[in-house]
Protein backbone atom coordinates (compact mmCIF):
# COMPACT_ATOMS: atom_id res chain seq x y z
CA UNK A 1 -16.71 34.08 16.72
CA UNK A 2 -14.53 31.00 17.16
CA UNK A 3 -13.70 29.97 20.70
CA UNK A 4 -9.94 30.41 20.41
CA UNK A 5 -9.18 28.83 23.80
CA UNK A 6 -11.08 25.73 22.79
CA UNK A 7 -9.20 25.65 19.49
CA UNK A 8 -5.89 25.96 21.36
CA UNK A 9 -6.76 22.94 23.52
CA UNK A 10 -7.72 20.88 20.47
CA UNK A 11 -4.52 21.87 18.63
CA UNK A 12 -2.39 20.87 21.65
CA UNK A 13 -4.08 17.47 21.98
CA UNK A 14 -3.91 16.63 18.27
CA UNK A 15 -0.31 17.80 18.04
CA UNK A 16 0.78 15.51 20.89
CA UNK A 17 -1.30 12.45 19.97
CA UNK A 18 -0.73 12.52 16.21
CA UNK A 19 2.73 14.12 16.22
CA UNK A 20 1.67 16.92 13.88
CA UNK A 21 3.40 20.29 14.49
CA UNK A 22 1.17 22.96 16.02
CA UNK A 23 2.26 25.39 13.32
CA UNK A 24 0.92 23.02 10.65
CA UNK A 25 -2.43 22.66 12.42
CA UNK A 26 -2.76 26.45 12.75
CA UNK A 27 -2.02 26.80 9.03
CA UNK A 28 -4.79 24.30 8.28
CA UNK A 29 -7.31 26.29 10.37
CA UNK A 30 -6.23 29.57 8.76
CA UNK A 31 -6.67 28.03 5.28
CA UNK A 32 -10.16 26.77 6.18
CA UNK A 33 -11.23 30.23 7.42
CA UNK A 34 -9.82 31.78 4.26
CA UNK A 35 -11.80 29.39 2.04
CA UNK A 36 -15.00 30.05 4.00
CA UNK A 37 -14.50 33.84 3.84
CA UNK A 38 -13.85 33.86 0.08
CA UNK A 39 -16.96 31.76 -0.45
CA UNK A 40 -19.32 34.06 1.45
CA UNK A 41 -17.75 37.54 1.53
CA UNK A 42 -15.21 37.83 -1.25
CA UNK A 43 -14.60 37.37 -4.97
CA UNK A 44 -12.10 35.02 -6.52
CA UNK A 45 -9.80 37.95 -7.44
CA UNK A 46 -9.43 39.23 -3.90
CA UNK A 47 -6.35 38.25 -1.95
CA UNK A 48 -7.30 37.29 1.61
CA UNK A 49 -4.94 36.69 4.53
CA UNK A 50 -5.82 34.99 7.81
CA UNK A 51 -3.64 35.16 10.92
CA UNK A 52 -4.50 33.03 13.95
CA UNK A 53 -2.48 33.75 17.11
CA UNK A 54 -3.25 31.21 19.83
CA UNK A 55 -0.74 32.72 22.24
CA UNK A 56 -2.63 36.03 22.37
CA UNK A 57 -6.01 34.55 21.36
CA UNK A 58 -6.44 36.80 18.34
CA UNK A 59 -7.79 36.21 14.85
CA UNK A 60 -7.32 38.68 12.02
CA UNK A 61 -8.72 38.52 8.50
CA UNK A 62 -7.31 41.04 6.04
CA UNK A 63 -7.80 41.90 2.40
CA UNK A 64 -4.86 42.98 0.23
CA UNK A 65 -5.32 46.03 -2.01
CA UNK A 66 -3.02 47.89 -4.40
CA UNK A 67 -3.04 51.68 -4.01
CA UNK A 68 -3.80 53.36 -7.35
CA UNK A 69 -4.89 56.75 -8.58
CA UNK A 70 -7.82 55.33 -10.52
CA UNK A 71 -9.47 52.04 -9.66
CA UNK A 72 -10.15 49.64 -12.54
CA UNK A 73 -10.63 46.49 -10.46
CA UNK A 74 -12.29 47.11 -7.06
CA UNK A 75 -11.49 43.54 -5.98
CA UNK A 76 -7.75 44.19 -5.97
CA UNK A 77 -7.33 47.98 -5.98
CA UNK A 78 -8.08 50.99 -3.75
CA UNK A 79 -7.83 54.70 -4.56
CA UNK A 80 -6.20 57.45 -2.52
CA UNK A 81 -9.67 58.99 -2.07
CA UNK A 82 -10.90 55.85 -0.34
CA UNK A 83 -7.99 55.99 2.09
CA UNK A 84 -9.14 59.37 3.37
CA UNK A 85 -6.73 60.87 5.90
CA UNK A 86 -4.38 57.87 5.59
CA UNK A 87 -3.71 58.57 1.89
CA UNK A 88 -0.56 60.54 2.68
CA UNK A 89 1.06 57.44 4.20
CA UNK A 90 1.18 55.60 0.89
CA UNK A 91 2.54 55.83 -2.63
CA UNK A 92 0.98 54.52 -5.82
CA UNK A 93 1.38 50.72 -6.21
CA UNK A 94 1.85 50.15 -2.51
CA UNK A 95 0.14 47.02 -1.21
CA UNK A 96 -1.92 47.50 1.93
CA UNK A 97 -3.98 45.18 4.09
CA UNK A 98 -7.48 46.13 5.21
CA UNK A 99 -8.85 44.46 8.37
CA UNK A 100 -12.20 42.88 7.44
CA UNK A 101 -12.65 40.68 10.51
CA UNK A 102 -15.54 42.78 11.82
CA UNK A 103 -17.49 42.28 8.59
CA UNK A 104 -18.17 38.73 9.73
CA UNK A 105 -18.93 39.54 13.34
CA UNK A 106 -21.48 42.20 12.34
CA UNK A 107 -23.17 39.86 9.85
CA UNK A 108 -26.52 38.43 10.94
CA UNK A 109 -25.36 35.02 9.68
CA UNK A 110 -21.99 35.05 11.46
CA UNK A 111 -22.75 31.84 13.38
CA UNK A 112 -23.25 29.95 10.11
CA UNK A 113 -19.94 31.25 8.75
CA UNK A 114 -17.92 30.13 11.77
CA UNK A 115 -19.67 26.75 11.82
CA UNK A 116 -18.76 26.14 8.17
CA UNK A 117 -15.18 27.29 8.78
CA UNK A 118 -14.90 24.95 11.80
CA UNK A 119 -16.23 22.00 9.81
CA UNK A 120 -13.81 22.69 6.95
CA UNK A 121 -10.88 22.89 9.36
CA UNK A 122 -11.95 19.63 11.04
CA UNK A 123 -12.15 17.80 7.69
CA UNK A 124 -8.73 19.02 6.60
CA UNK A 125 -7.18 18.08 9.96
CA UNK A 126 -8.69 14.58 9.74
CA UNK A 127 -7.25 14.26 6.23
CA UNK A 128 -3.88 15.54 7.45
CA UNK A 129 -3.89 13.02 10.29
CA UNK A 130 -4.57 10.28 7.74
CA UNK A 131 -1.74 11.52 5.52
CA UNK A 132 0.56 11.71 8.55
CA UNK A 133 -0.25 8.10 9.50
CA UNK A 134 0.42 6.98 5.92
CA UNK A 135 3.73 8.84 5.92
CA UNK A 136 4.72 7.19 9.20
CA UNK A 137 3.90 3.72 7.87
CA UNK A 138 5.79 4.52 4.67
CA UNK A 139 8.89 5.44 6.71
CA UNK A 140 8.60 2.17 8.65
CA UNK A 141 8.61 0.02 5.51
CA UNK A 142 10.60 2.14 3.06
CA UNK A 143 13.60 -0.21 3.13
CA UNK A 144 11.63 -3.44 3.63
CA UNK A 145 9.97 -3.83 0.23
CA UNK A 146 9.87 -7.49 -0.99
CA UNK A 147 10.70 -8.79 2.48
CA UNK A 148 8.58 -10.68 5.00
CA UNK A 149 8.09 -9.40 8.54
CA UNK A 150 6.62 -11.32 11.44
CA UNK A 151 3.82 -9.33 13.09
CA UNK A 152 1.19 -9.79 15.78
CA UNK A 153 -2.55 -9.42 15.18
CA UNK A 154 -3.89 -6.55 17.27
CA UNK A 155 -7.53 -6.63 16.23
CA UNK A 156 -9.93 -7.62 13.47
CA UNK A 157 -12.25 -4.82 12.36
CA UNK A 158 -14.78 -5.48 9.64
CA UNK A 159 -12.89 -7.01 6.75
CA UNK A 160 -9.55 -5.55 7.84
CA UNK A 161 -6.94 -7.24 10.00
CA UNK A 162 -4.89 -4.74 12.01
CA UNK A 163 -1.37 -5.82 12.95
CA UNK A 164 1.01 -4.32 15.47
CA UNK A 165 4.47 -3.44 14.18
CA UNK A 166 6.78 -1.79 16.69
CA UNK A 167 3.84 -0.06 18.35
CA UNK A 168 2.27 1.06 15.05
CA UNK A 169 -0.96 -0.18 13.53
CA UNK A 170 -0.67 -1.58 10.01
CA UNK A 171 -3.57 -2.94 7.99
CA UNK A 172 -3.81 -6.15 6.00
CA UNK A 173 -6.69 -5.48 3.57
CA UNK A 174 -9.24 -8.17 2.81
CA UNK A 175 -8.02 -8.40 -0.79
CA UNK A 176 -4.58 -9.56 0.45
CA UNK A 177 -5.81 -12.04 3.06
CA UNK A 178 -5.94 -15.83 2.83
CA UNK A 179 -9.21 -17.46 3.83
CA UNK A 180 -7.58 -20.37 5.65
CA UNK A 181 -5.65 -18.07 8.01
CA UNK A 182 -7.26 -17.58 11.42
CA UNK A 183 -6.61 -13.93 12.30
CA UNK A 184 -7.22 -13.95 16.03
CA UNK A 185 -5.75 -11.36 18.44
CA UNK A 186 -2.15 -12.09 19.52
CA UNK A 187 -1.64 -14.61 16.68
CA UNK A 188 1.55 -14.02 14.71
CA UNK A 189 1.98 -14.14 10.92
CA UNK A 190 4.59 -13.35 8.33
CA UNK A 191 3.40 -10.54 6.06
CA UNK A 192 4.97 -9.84 2.68
CA UNK A 193 5.79 -6.17 1.96
CA UNK A 194 4.55 -6.18 -1.63
CA UNK A 195 4.79 -2.47 -2.40
CA UNK A 196 6.22 0.71 -0.86
CA UNK A 197 5.72 3.72 -3.13
CA UNK A 198 4.49 7.28 -3.55
CA UNK A 199 2.22 8.52 -6.32
CA UNK A 200 2.75 11.63 -8.45
CA UNK A 201 1.34 13.87 -5.71
CA UNK A 202 3.58 12.35 -3.05
CA UNK A 203 0.88 10.33 -1.25
CA UNK A 204 2.54 7.21 0.22
CA UNK A 205 1.28 3.67 -0.33
CA UNK A 206 2.25 0.49 1.50
CA UNK A 207 0.73 -2.86 0.47
CA UNK A 208 1.09 -5.88 2.76
CA UNK A 209 0.02 -9.34 1.64
CA UNK A 210 -0.51 -12.93 2.73
CA UNK A 211 -1.81 -13.94 -0.71
CA UNK A 212 0.92 -13.15 -3.22
CA UNK A 213 3.26 -15.95 -4.38
CA UNK A 214 6.37 -13.96 -3.46
CA UNK A 215 5.60 -14.49 0.24
CA UNK A 216 6.53 -18.18 -0.18
CA UNK A 217 9.98 -17.48 -1.60
CA UNK A 218 10.55 -14.71 0.98
CA UNK A 219 9.70 -17.08 3.85
CA UNK A 220 12.01 -19.74 2.38
CA UNK A 221 14.75 -17.12 2.30
CA UNK A 222 14.29 -16.55 6.03
CA UNK A 223 15.10 -20.22 6.71
CA UNK A 224 17.39 -21.16 3.81
CA UNK A 225 20.63 -19.13 3.87
CA UNK A 226 21.66 -20.61 0.52
CA UNK A 227 19.01 -18.41 -1.12
CA UNK A 228 20.18 -15.04 0.17
CA UNK A 229 23.77 -16.18 -0.37
CA UNK A 230 22.88 -16.62 -4.09
CA UNK A 231 23.85 -20.29 -4.04
CA UNK A 232 20.27 -21.27 -4.92
CA UNK A 233 18.00 -19.23 -7.18
CA UNK A 234 14.20 -19.30 -7.25
CA UNK A 235 13.64 -18.88 -10.99
CA UNK A 236 9.84 -18.86 -10.93
CA UNK A 237 7.03 -19.27 -8.45
CA UNK A 238 3.29 -19.71 -8.97
CA UNK A 239 0.64 -20.04 -6.33
CA UNK A 240 -3.02 -20.59 -5.52
CA UNK A 241 -3.08 -19.17 -2.01
CA UNK A 242 -3.57 -21.72 0.81
CA UNK A 243 -3.97 -24.54 -1.76
CA UNK A 244 -0.71 -25.10 -3.67
CA UNK A 245 2.56 -23.44 -4.65
CA UNK A 246 5.09 -24.56 -7.25
CA UNK A 247 8.69 -23.33 -7.24
CA UNK A 248 11.29 -23.70 -9.99
CA UNK A 249 14.78 -23.63 -8.45
CA UNK A 250 18.32 -23.83 -9.78
CA UNK A 251 21.97 -23.58 -8.77
CA UNK A 252 25.32 -23.02 -10.49
CA UNK A 253 27.07 -25.41 -8.10
CA UNK A 254 27.21 -29.04 -9.28
CA UNK A 255 27.58 -30.35 -5.75
CA UNK A 256 24.38 -28.63 -4.55
CA UNK A 257 20.92 -30.21 -4.80
CA UNK A 258 18.58 -27.17 -4.86
CA UNK A 259 15.43 -29.19 -4.24
CA UNK A 260 16.92 -31.14 -1.34
CA UNK A 261 18.35 -27.95 0.16
CA UNK A 262 14.93 -26.27 0.26
CA UNK A 263 13.29 -29.40 1.64
CA UNK A 264 15.97 -29.78 4.35
CA UNK A 265 16.91 -32.78 6.47
CA UNK A 266 13.80 -34.86 7.19
CA UNK A 267 11.79 -32.14 5.42
CA UNK A 268 12.31 -29.66 8.26
CA UNK A 269 12.74 -26.56 6.07
CA UNK A 270 9.76 -27.07 3.79
CA UNK A 271 7.62 -28.14 6.77
CA UNK A 272 8.43 -24.86 8.50
CA UNK A 273 7.22 -22.90 5.47
CA UNK A 274 4.11 -25.06 5.06
CA UNK A 275 3.26 -24.58 8.73
CA UNK A 276 3.48 -20.79 8.32
CA UNK A 277 1.15 -21.03 5.29
CA UNK A 278 -1.51 -23.16 7.04
CA UNK A 279 -0.13 -26.37 5.50
CA UNK A 280 -0.35 -25.26 1.90
CA UNK A 281 1.06 -27.91 -0.48
CA UNK A 282 4.43 -26.99 -1.98
CA UNK A 283 6.03 -28.60 -5.05
CA UNK A 284 9.75 -27.81 -5.56
CA UNK A 285 11.10 -28.53 -9.05
CA UNK A 286 14.73 -28.48 -10.16
CA UNK A 287 15.47 -26.25 -13.14
CA UNK A 288 18.18 -27.98 -15.17
CA UNK A 289 17.31 -25.93 -18.26
CA UNK A 290 15.85 -28.99 -19.98
CA UNK A 291 12.28 -28.12 -20.92
CA UNK A 292 11.28 -31.76 -21.35
CA UNK A 293 12.44 -32.61 -17.84
CA UNK A 294 10.92 -29.45 -16.34
CA UNK A 295 7.55 -30.20 -17.95
CA UNK A 296 7.60 -33.75 -16.59
CA UNK A 297 8.37 -32.56 -13.07
CA UNK A 298 5.96 -29.61 -13.22
CA UNK A 299 2.94 -31.92 -13.01
CA UNK A 300 4.14 -33.34 -9.68
CA UNK A 301 2.92 -35.41 -7.89
CA UNK A 302 1.72 -37.13 -11.08
CA UNK A 303 4.17 -39.35 -13.01
CA UNK A 304 4.57 -38.23 -16.63
CA UNK A 305 5.57 -41.02 -19.08
CA UNK A 306 6.63 -38.88 -22.03
CA UNK A 307 6.37 -35.33 -23.33
CA UNK A 308 5.86 -33.85 -26.78
CA UNK A 309 7.07 -30.25 -27.04
CA UNK A 310 6.28 -27.64 -29.69
CA UNK A 311 8.76 -24.90 -28.89
CA UNK A 312 7.45 -22.60 -31.62
CA UNK A 313 3.95 -22.40 -30.13
CA UNK A 314 5.22 -22.91 -26.57
CA UNK A 315 2.84 -25.80 -26.05
CA UNK A 316 3.32 -29.35 -24.82
CA UNK A 317 1.46 -32.65 -24.56
CA UNK A 318 2.21 -34.67 -21.44
CA UNK A 319 1.34 -38.37 -21.57
CA UNK A 320 0.29 -40.10 -18.35
CA UNK A 321 -1.36 -43.29 -17.23
CA UNK A 322 -5.13 -42.93 -16.72
CA UNK A 323 -4.60 -43.69 -13.02
CA UNK A 324 -2.42 -40.57 -12.75
CA UNK A 325 -4.93 -38.15 -14.32
CA UNK A 326 -6.51 -37.05 -11.03
CA UNK A 327 -3.07 -36.14 -9.65
CA UNK A 328 -2.03 -34.35 -12.84
CA UNK A 329 -5.19 -32.29 -13.16
CA UNK A 330 -6.19 -32.02 -9.50
CA UNK A 331 -9.02 -29.80 -8.20
CA UNK A 332 -10.65 -27.86 -11.06
CA UNK A 333 -7.51 -28.32 -13.15
CA UNK A 334 -5.43 -26.38 -10.63
CA UNK A 335 -2.30 -28.55 -10.86
CA UNK A 336 -2.01 -28.43 -14.64
CA UNK A 337 -2.82 -24.69 -14.69
CA UNK A 338 -0.07 -23.94 -12.18
CA UNK A 339 2.33 -26.14 -14.18
CA UNK A 340 1.54 -24.12 -17.33
CA UNK A 341 2.25 -20.84 -15.52
CA UNK A 342 5.44 -22.22 -14.00
CA UNK A 343 6.89 -23.42 -17.35
CA UNK A 344 5.32 -20.73 -19.58
CA UNK A 345 4.03 -23.58 -21.77
CA UNK A 346 0.41 -24.44 -22.57
CA UNK A 347 0.10 -28.01 -21.31
CA UNK A 348 -2.35 -30.64 -22.55
CA UNK A 349 -2.67 -34.03 -20.87
CA UNK A 350 -3.19 -37.27 -22.80
CA UNK A 351 -3.64 -40.78 -21.44
CA UNK A 352 -1.20 -43.52 -22.41
CA UNK A 353 -1.93 -47.21 -22.10
CA UNK A 354 0.05 -49.43 -19.74
CA UNK A 355 1.39 -51.50 -22.59
CA UNK A 356 2.78 -48.39 -24.29
CA UNK A 357 4.53 -47.49 -21.06
CA UNK A 358 6.05 -50.99 -20.95
CA UNK A 359 7.38 -50.60 -24.51
CA UNK A 360 8.95 -47.30 -23.51
CA UNK A 361 10.52 -48.88 -20.44
């Protein structure tokens, strides 16, 4: 038999620590006992009820039966003859409950049954605790999707970095980390809330990131009021985490320089963002809706002499001096690849001789 006093103590502790209602925990234990009973003592057709009363330290397992004159399904029906002297208390089609608790206690293998039931209850409670934690985290971030939040590292465990957010532990998975970041306890980082959702079964999901390109624009927004005031728009952003980011920015106000606004006086605004991103390089390009000009600027810091554009195939050839090729291509072609993603054009780079540049000038 289960030690009901011990179960009561466990229920009280879990309820307080994990903020799960006692009633819910008791329902989980009752469900686990029911599953174990049906597995070992019952058939799938039988309707079993379990009632656990931790105030009076009682446990009752009952089997529902329908009273009939002639039994056709023994799993769900009982005849008046089987009720003996109690038959007069019932009418046909009444539903009664038969106490079957003693069937387990008289069984030679009763210890095995209660052990299996306890293990099942423990597994379900652990799962429920996990679901409760997920629900709590979901509630914390429900209205913060696509924002950045500054958090403190609490600990590093395996590949996971655990942050503290208002006294709650939130996890930055390895897949969303940046290798250059040093995640040491008490260090603070901005994390991007990439996703806050629930699946079809209602299980919540919160994804935090340091890797996604949107974190750059979200951090800029923290320090550049012109962005959240809709004076400046970030039209596109591409990124190779901790290496380089390119932003395409625009404005509807002729008197506003969107690039200069994001850079700030003496570069203070862009330096603040770069510092937060472990000094990742950031190229900011003005979007004046002139594809030739955008393509030229997209290969920054390289100087592009001229551009040939094929709008039909969305491809372009950018002509540069041979001395500029290293800047245009950069490490493993990263600069030109980011430029292609930023402009949505396939970019090829061709060298141009100095004398041809002079003719153009």
